[in-house]
C-alpha atoms as a PDB file:
ATOM      1  CA  MET A   1     -47.878 -35.105-106.905  1.00  0.00           C
ATOM      2  CA  LEU A   2     -47.485 -31.810-104.833  1.00  0.00           C
ATOM      3  CA  VAL A   3     -49.310 -31.796-101.466  1.00  0.00           C
ATOM      4  CA  VAL A   4     -49.884 -28.422 -99.878  1.00  0.00           C
ATOM      5  CA  SER A   5     -50.652 -28.491 -96.178  1.00  0.00           C
ATOM      6  CA  ASP A   6     -52.656 -25.765 -94.441  1.00  0.00           C
ATOM      7  CA  GLN A   7     -50.760 -26.445 -90.985  1.00  0.00           C
ATOM      8  CA  GLN A   8     -48.378 -23.695 -89.755  1.00  0.00           C
ATOM      9  CA  ILE A   9     -44.960 -25.083 -88.502  1.00  0.00           C
ATOM     10  CA  LEU A  10     -43.457 -22.880 -85.849  1.00  0.00           C
ATOM     11  CA  VAL A  11     -39.794 -22.741 -85.552  1.00  0.00           C
ATOM     12  CA  PRO A  12     -38.529 -21.024 -82.215  1.00  0.00           C
ATOM     13  CA  THR A  13     -35.816 -18.590 -82.625  1.00  0.00           C
ATOM     14  CA  ALA A  14     -32.582 -18.788 -80.792  1.00  0.00           C
ATOM     15  CA  GLY A  15     -33.432 -15.529 -78.841  1.00  0.00           C
ATOM     16  CA  LYS A  16     -36.651 -16.982 -77.489  1.00  0.00           C
ATOM     17  CA  ASN A  17     -34.716 -20.070 -76.231  1.00  0.00           C
ATOM     18  CA  VAL A  18     -32.109 -17.912 -74.416  1.00  0.00           C
ATOM     19  CA  ALA A  19     -34.909 -15.779 -72.819  1.00  0.00           C
ATOM     20  CA  ARG A  20     -36.871 -18.815 -71.717  1.00  0.00           C
ATOM     21  CA  ALA A  21     -33.683 -20.375 -70.273  1.00  0.00           C
ATOM     22  CA  ILE A  22     -32.801 -17.199 -68.366  1.00  0.00           C
ATOM     23  CA  ARG A  23     -36.309 -16.900 -66.959  1.00  0.00           C
ATOM     24  CA  ASP A  24     -36.233 -20.536 -65.763  1.00  0.00           C
ATOM     25  CA  TRP A  25     -32.901 -19.980 -64.025  1.00  0.00           C
ATOM     26  CA  ILE A  26     -34.058 -16.842 -62.210  1.00  0.00           C
ATOM     27  CA  VAL A  27     -37.233 -18.842 -60.952  1.00  0.00           C
ATOM     28  CA  VAL A  28     -34.969 -21.582 -59.748  1.00  0.00           C
ATOM     29  CA  ILE A  29     -32.523 -19.249 -57.961  1.00  0.00           C
ATOM     30  CA  VAL A  30     -35.262 -17.083 -56.322  1.00  0.00           C
ATOM     31  CA  VAL A  31     -37.058 -20.443 -55.115  1.00  0.00           C
ATOM     32  CA  ALA A  32     -33.917 -21.719 -53.663  1.00  0.00           C
ATOM     33  CA  LEU A  33     -33.126 -18.325 -51.928  1.00  0.00           C
ATOM     34  CA  VAL A  34     -36.458 -18.237 -50.440  1.00  0.00           C
ATOM     35  CA  ILE A  35     -36.164 -21.827 -49.126  1.00  0.00           C
ATOM     36  CA  ALA A  36     -32.689 -21.279 -47.757  1.00  0.00           C
ATOM     37  CA  THR A  37     -33.846 -18.167 -45.928  1.00  0.00           C
ATOM     38  CA  ILE A  38     -36.900 -20.146 -44.628  1.00  0.00           C
ATOM     39  CA  VAL A  39     -34.624 -22.769 -43.280  1.00  0.00           C
ATOM     40  CA  ARG A  40     -32.096 -20.253 -41.871  1.00  0.00           C
ATOM     41  CA  VAL A  41     -34.746 -18.139 -40.104  1.00  0.00           C
ATOM     42  CA  PHE A  42     -37.000 -20.773 -38.694  1.00  0.00           C
ATOM     43  CA  ILE A  43     -35.118 -24.331 -38.847  1.00  0.00           C
ATOM     44  CA  PHE A  44     -31.421 -24.638 -38.927  1.00  0.00           C
ATOM     45  CA  GLN A  45     -28.583 -21.863 -38.700  1.00  0.00           C
ATOM     46  CA  GLN A  46     -24.954 -22.341 -38.517  1.00  0.00           C
ATOM     47  CA  PHE A  47     -22.909 -20.496 -35.712  1.00  0.00           C
ATOM     48  CA  TYR A  48     -19.051 -19.724 -35.560  1.00  0.00           C
ATOM     49  CA  ILE A  49     -17.549 -20.309 -32.165  1.00  0.00           C
ATOM     50  CA  SER A  50     -15.441 -17.200 -30.969  1.00  0.00           C
ATOM     51  CA  GLY A  51     -13.982 -17.443 -27.542  1.00  0.00           C
ATOM     52  CA  PRO A  52     -12.749 -20.082 -25.110  1.00  0.00           C
ATOM     53  CA  SER A  53     -15.569 -20.527 -22.792  1.00  0.00           C
ATOM     54  CA  MET A  54     -16.815 -23.731 -24.063  1.00  0.00           C
ATOM     55  CA  GLU A  55     -13.560 -25.554 -24.274  1.00  0.00           C
ATOM     56  CA  THR A  56     -12.773 -28.460 -24.451  1.00  0.00           C
ATOM     57  CA  THR A  57     -16.267 -29.254 -25.850  1.00  0.00           C
ATOM     58  CA  LEU A  58     -16.141 -26.388 -28.554  1.00  0.00           C
ATOM     59  CA  PHE A  59     -13.066 -24.681 -29.791  1.00  0.00           C
ATOM     60  CA  GLN A  60     -12.633 -21.103 -31.370  1.00  0.00           C
ATOM     61  CA  ASP A  61     -13.021 -21.507 -35.137  1.00  0.00           C
ATOM     62  CA  ASN A  62     -15.377 -24.557 -34.732  1.00  0.00           C
ATOM     63  CA  ARG A  63     -18.785 -24.169 -36.344  1.00  0.00           C
ATOM     64  CA  VAL A  64     -21.921 -25.649 -34.918  1.00  0.00           C
ATOM     65  CA  LEU A  65     -25.307 -26.206 -36.455  1.00  0.00           C
ATOM     66  CA  VAL A  66     -28.255 -24.947 -34.289  1.00  0.00           C
ATOM     67  CA  VAL A  67     -31.960 -26.436 -34.378  1.00  0.00           C
ATOM     68  CA  LYS A  68     -34.198 -23.247 -33.901  1.00  0.00           C
ATOM     69  CA  LEU A  69     -37.373 -25.302 -33.816  1.00  0.00           C
ATOM     70  CA  SER A  70     -36.177 -27.599 -31.014  1.00  0.00           C
ATOM     71  CA  TYR A  71     -37.767 -25.775 -28.083  1.00  0.00           C
ATOM     72  CA  ARG A  72     -40.935 -24.919 -30.001  1.00  0.00           C
ATOM     73  CA  LEU A  73     -41.387 -28.720 -30.094  1.00  0.00           C
ATOM     74  CA  PHE A  74     -39.419 -29.969 -26.971  1.00  0.00           C
ATOM     75  CA  ASP A  75     -38.658 -28.889 -23.529  1.00  0.00           C
ATOM     76  CA  ILE A  76     -35.256 -27.473 -22.628  1.00  0.00           C
ATOM     77  CA  LYS A  77     -33.130 -30.194 -20.799  1.00  0.00           C
ATOM     78  CA  ARG A  78     -30.252 -29.753 -18.506  1.00  0.00           C
ATOM     79  CA  GLY A  79     -27.034 -30.348 -20.239  1.00  0.00           C
ATOM     80  CA  ASP A  80     -28.246 -28.977 -23.610  1.00  0.00           C
ATOM     81  CA  VAL A  81     -25.759 -26.728 -25.379  1.00  0.00           C
ATOM     82  CA  VAL A  82     -27.670 -23.800 -26.449  1.00  0.00           C
ATOM     83  CA  VAL A  83     -27.227 -20.499 -28.313  1.00  0.00           C
ATOM     84  CA  PHE A  84     -28.875 -17.401 -26.881  1.00  0.00           C
ATOM     85  CA  ASP A  85     -29.152 -13.687 -27.347  1.00  0.00           C
ATOM     86  CA  ARG A  86     -27.287 -11.811 -24.639  1.00  0.00           C
ATOM     87  CA  VAL A  87     -28.958  -8.336 -24.607  1.00  0.00           C
ATOM     88  CA  THR A  88     -26.911  -5.556 -22.972  1.00  0.00           C
ATOM     89  CA  THR A  89     -27.265  -1.841 -22.786  1.00  0.00           C
ATOM     90  CA  ASP A  90     -24.253   0.328 -23.379  1.00  0.00           C
ATOM     91  CA  GLY A  91     -24.791   4.058 -22.961  1.00  0.00           C
ATOM     92  CA  GLY A  92     -28.463   3.820 -23.928  1.00  0.00           C
ATOM     93  CA  THR A  93     -27.427   1.519 -27.026  1.00  0.00           C
ATOM     94  CA  ILE A  94     -28.920  -1.853 -27.018  1.00  0.00           C
ATOM     95  CA  GLN A  95     -26.548  -4.483 -28.150  1.00  0.00           C
ATOM     96  CA  HIS A  96     -27.283  -8.217 -29.068  1.00  0.00           C
ATOM     97  CA  ASP A  97     -24.562 -10.871 -28.868  1.00  0.00           C
ATOM     98  CA  ASP A  98     -25.128 -14.559 -29.680  1.00  0.00           C
ATOM     99  CA  LEU A  99     -23.546 -16.592 -26.906  1.00  0.00           C
ATOM    100  CA  ILE A 100     -23.185 -20.388 -26.502  1.00  0.00           C
ATOM    101  CA  LYS A 101     -23.329 -22.023 -23.074  1.00  0.00           C
ATOM    102  CA  ARG A 102     -24.624 -25.255 -21.489  1.00  0.00           C
ATOM    103  CA  VAL A 103     -27.893 -25.442 -19.509  1.00  0.00           C
ATOM    104  CA  ILE A 104     -27.086 -26.086 -15.902  1.00  0.00           C
ATOM    105  CA  GLY A 105     -30.329 -25.108 -14.084  1.00  0.00           C
ATOM    106  CA  LEU A 106     -33.923 -25.240 -15.142  1.00  0.00           C
ATOM    107  CA  SER A 107     -36.954 -23.159 -14.212  1.00  0.00           C
ATOM    108  CA  GLY A 108     -37.603 -23.768 -10.310  1.00  0.00           C
ATOM    109  CA  ASP A 109     -34.170 -25.298  -9.658  1.00  0.00           C
ATOM    110  CA  LYS A 110     -32.335 -24.376  -6.630  1.00  0.00           C
ATOM    111  CA  ILE A 111     -28.638 -23.948  -7.650  1.00  0.00           C
ATOM    112  CA  GLU A 112     -25.537 -23.395  -5.496  1.00  0.00           C
ATOM    113  CA  ILE A 113     -21.699 -23.826  -5.923  1.00  0.00           C
ATOM    114  CA  LYS A 114     -19.519 -25.169  -3.228  1.00  0.00           C
ATOM    115  CA  SER A 115     -15.755 -25.641  -3.788  1.00  0.00           C
ATOM    116  CA  CYS A 116     -16.419 -25.551  -7.581  1.00  0.00           C
ATOM    117  CA  ASN A 117     -19.023 -28.279  -7.244  1.00  0.00           C
ATOM    118  CA  VAL A 118     -22.449 -27.455  -8.631  1.00  0.00           C
ATOM    119  CA  PHE A 119     -25.369 -28.631  -6.673  1.00  0.00           C
ATOM    120  CA  ILE A 120     -28.996 -28.768  -8.164  1.00  0.00           C
ATOM    121  CA  ASN A 121     -31.712 -29.048  -5.539  1.00  0.00           C
ATOM    122  CA  ASP A 122     -28.997 -30.179  -3.042  1.00  0.00           C
ATOM    123  CA  GLN A 123     -27.798 -32.900  -5.343  1.00  0.00           C
ATOM    124  CA  LEU A 124     -24.171 -32.844  -6.722  1.00  0.00           C
ATOM    125  CA  LEU A 125     -24.349 -32.563 -10.548  1.00  0.00           C
ATOM    126  CA  GLN A 126     -22.305 -34.849 -12.514  1.00  0.00           C
ATOM    127  CA  GLU A 127     -20.404 -33.012 -15.233  1.00  0.00           C
ATOM    128  CA  PRO A 128     -18.367 -35.306 -17.481  1.00  0.00           C
ATOM    129  CA  TYR A 129     -17.889 -32.598 -20.091  1.00  0.00           C
ATOM    130  CA  LEU A 130     -15.596 -30.614 -17.937  1.00  0.00           C
ATOM    131  CA  ASP A 131     -11.795 -30.524 -18.568  1.00  0.00           C
ATOM    132  CA  ALA A 132      -9.615 -32.768 -16.454  1.00  0.00           C
ATOM    133  CA  PHE A 133      -6.811 -30.213 -16.541  1.00  0.00           C
ATOM    134  CA  ASP A 134      -8.943 -27.509 -14.949  1.00  0.00           C
ATOM    135  CA  LEU A 135     -10.346 -29.936 -12.361  1.00  0.00           C
ATOM    136  CA  GLY A 136      -6.798 -30.754 -11.423  1.00  0.00           C
ATOM    137  CA  GLN A 137      -5.836 -27.222 -10.446  1.00  0.00           C
ATOM    138  CA  SER A 138      -5.097 -26.962  -6.761  1.00  0.00           C
ATOM    139  CA  ALA A 139      -6.467 -23.285  -6.538  1.00  0.00           C
ATOM    140  CA  LEU A 140     -10.117 -23.111  -6.613  1.00  0.00           C
ATOM    141  CA  GLU A 141     -10.216 -19.807  -8.341  1.00  0.00           C
ATOM    142  CA  ASP A 142      -8.054 -21.390 -11.177  1.00  0.00           C
ATOM    143  CA  ARG A 143     -10.344 -24.469 -11.248  1.00  0.00           C
ATOM    144  CA  CYS A 144     -13.648 -22.684 -11.786  1.00  0.00           C
ATOM    145  CA  ARG A 145     -13.261 -18.917 -11.270  1.00  0.00           C
ATOM    146  CA  MET A 146     -16.100 -18.841  -8.848  1.00  0.00           C
ATOM    147  CA  PRO A 147     -15.741 -21.406  -6.240  1.00  0.00           C
ATOM    148  CA  VAL A 148     -18.696 -20.306  -4.014  1.00  0.00           C
ATOM    149  CA  MET A 149     -22.175 -19.144  -5.256  1.00  0.00           C
ATOM    150  CA  GLU A 150     -24.790 -18.742  -2.525  1.00  0.00           C
ATOM    151  CA  PRO A 151     -28.160 -20.773  -3.270  1.00  0.00           C
ATOM    152  CA  GLN A 152     -30.548 -19.236  -5.690  1.00  0.00           C
ATOM    153  CA  VAL A 153     -33.626 -20.318  -7.356  1.00  0.00           C
ATOM    154  CA  VAL A 154     -33.969 -20.187 -11.124  1.00  0.00           C
ATOM    155  CA  PRO A 155     -37.077 -18.052 -11.977  1.00  0.00           C
ATOM    156  CA  ALA A 156     -40.034 -19.451 -13.699  1.00  0.00           C
ATOM    157  CA  GLY A 157     -39.434 -19.122 -17.516  1.00  0.00           C
ATOM    158  CA  ALA A 158     -35.626 -18.968 -17.202  1.00  0.00           C
ATOM    159  CA  VAL A 159     -32.510 -21.061 -17.351  1.00  0.00           C
ATOM    160  CA  PHE A 160     -29.089 -20.939 -15.626  1.00  0.00           C
ATOM    161  CA  LEU A 161     -26.210 -21.391 -18.115  1.00  0.00           C
ATOM    162  CA  MET A 162     -22.569 -21.922 -17.708  1.00  0.00           C
ATOM    163  CA  GLY A 163     -19.595 -22.636 -20.015  1.00  0.00           C
ATOM    164  CA  ASP A 164     -17.688 -25.769 -19.918  1.00  0.00           C
ATOM    165  CA  ASN A 165     -14.465 -23.789 -19.397  1.00  0.00           C
ATOM    166  CA  ARG A 166     -15.248 -22.628 -16.073  1.00  0.00           C
ATOM    167  CA  PRO A 167     -12.220 -20.655 -15.350  1.00  0.00           C
ATOM    168  CA  GLN A 168     -12.568 -18.512 -18.499  1.00  0.00           C
ATOM    169  CA  SER A 169     -16.409 -18.458 -18.936  1.00  0.00           C
ATOM    170  CA  PHE A 170     -18.666 -15.406 -18.369  1.00  0.00           C
ATOM    171  CA  ASP A 171     -22.104 -16.797 -17.729  1.00  0.00           C
ATOM    172  CA  SER A 172     -24.943 -17.001 -15.332  1.00  0.00           C
ATOM    173  CA  ARG A 173     -22.703 -16.971 -12.443  1.00  0.00           C
ATOM    174  CA  MET A 174     -22.025 -13.266 -13.281  1.00  0.00           C
ATOM    175  CA  PHE A 175     -25.116 -12.087 -15.229  1.00  0.00           C
ATOM    176  CA  GLY A 176     -27.658 -14.314 -13.745  1.00  0.00           C
ATOM    177  CA  PRO A 177     -30.275 -16.586 -15.284  1.00  0.00           C
ATOM    178  CA  ILE A 178     -31.675 -15.730 -18.798  1.00  0.00           C
ATOM    179  CA  ASP A 179     -35.199 -15.888 -20.034  1.00  0.00           C
ATOM    180  CA  GLU A 180     -36.137 -18.982 -22.136  1.00  0.00           C
ATOM    181  CA  ASN A 181     -37.409 -16.786 -24.954  1.00  0.00           C
ATOM    182  CA  LEU A 182     -33.782 -15.445 -25.587  1.00  0.00           C
ATOM    183  CA  ILE A 183     -32.801 -18.985 -26.415  1.00  0.00           C
ATOM    184  CA  VAL A 184     -32.020 -19.013 -30.194  1.00  0.00           C
ATOM    185  CA  GLY A 185     -31.950 -22.804 -30.426  1.00  0.00           C
ATOM    186  CA  ARG A 186     -29.963 -26.074 -29.421  1.00  0.00           C
ATOM    187  CA  ALA A 187     -26.517 -26.707 -30.862  1.00  0.00           C
ATOM    188  CA  PHE A 188     -26.511 -30.289 -31.652  1.00  0.00           C
ATOM    189  CA  VAL A 189     -23.619 -30.981 -34.036  1.00  0.00           C
ATOM    190  CA  VAL A 190     -20.056 -29.565 -34.860  1.00  0.00           C
ATOM    191  CA  VAL A 191     -19.965 -29.309 -38.578  1.00  0.00           C
ATOM    192  CA  TRP A 192     -16.449 -27.757 -39.007  1.00  0.00           C
ATOM    193  CA  PRO A 193     -13.708 -28.596 -39.147  1.00  0.00           C
ATOM    194  CA  LEU A 194     -14.714 -32.041 -40.474  1.00  0.00           C
ATOM    195  CA  SER A 195     -11.891 -33.809 -38.744  1.00  0.00           C
ATOM    196  CA  ILE A 196     -13.565 -33.270 -35.369  1.00  0.00           C
ATOM    197  CA  ALA A 197     -17.326 -33.388 -36.570  1.00  0.00           C
ATOM    198  CA  LYS A 198     -19.430 -34.815 -33.759  1.00  0.00           C
ATOM    199  CA  PHE A 199     -22.863 -34.547 -32.097  1.00  0.00           C
ATOM    200  CA  LEU A 200     -23.109 -32.591 -28.876  1.00  0.00           C
END
């Protein structure tokens, strides 16, 4: 007996399958790009180290991961390694450079340098991150570049930053404290090369 059905059977064509797959991949890629952009702009960003000012903590060609949300949630702490926007004017042209230094003085601190030793509020600052080779130099200028700095108070809403490589670092000793709102975020881990990956 022959049975005739009134149901319609739909067989998708190859062209429709390809079009749907392409559309799905486009959606996935767009969503991934949006998420990556949000993470980079608001949460994490990788920075490439250029220059010797943070040796021997960080070396040229190292890459560090910076938490951008850190200081929206927590206070800045002395000893933090931070990336900040160094704004300069050259012939009327405003330039922005991302620099990396260590927080030495906080808002309201009195800071001075005597014979290369840093004093915060008249207390000697312990700095275990400084290089033993530099500390062993007999000439104070070779040890820290600026052996003496008269006492100064870090303004409200600002921080005093210095590089760990004191003989070669251009930092707040020269350009003064920087506003906290210029800090991009806290560098918390070296991610490249993998052989020296470490937390800061």
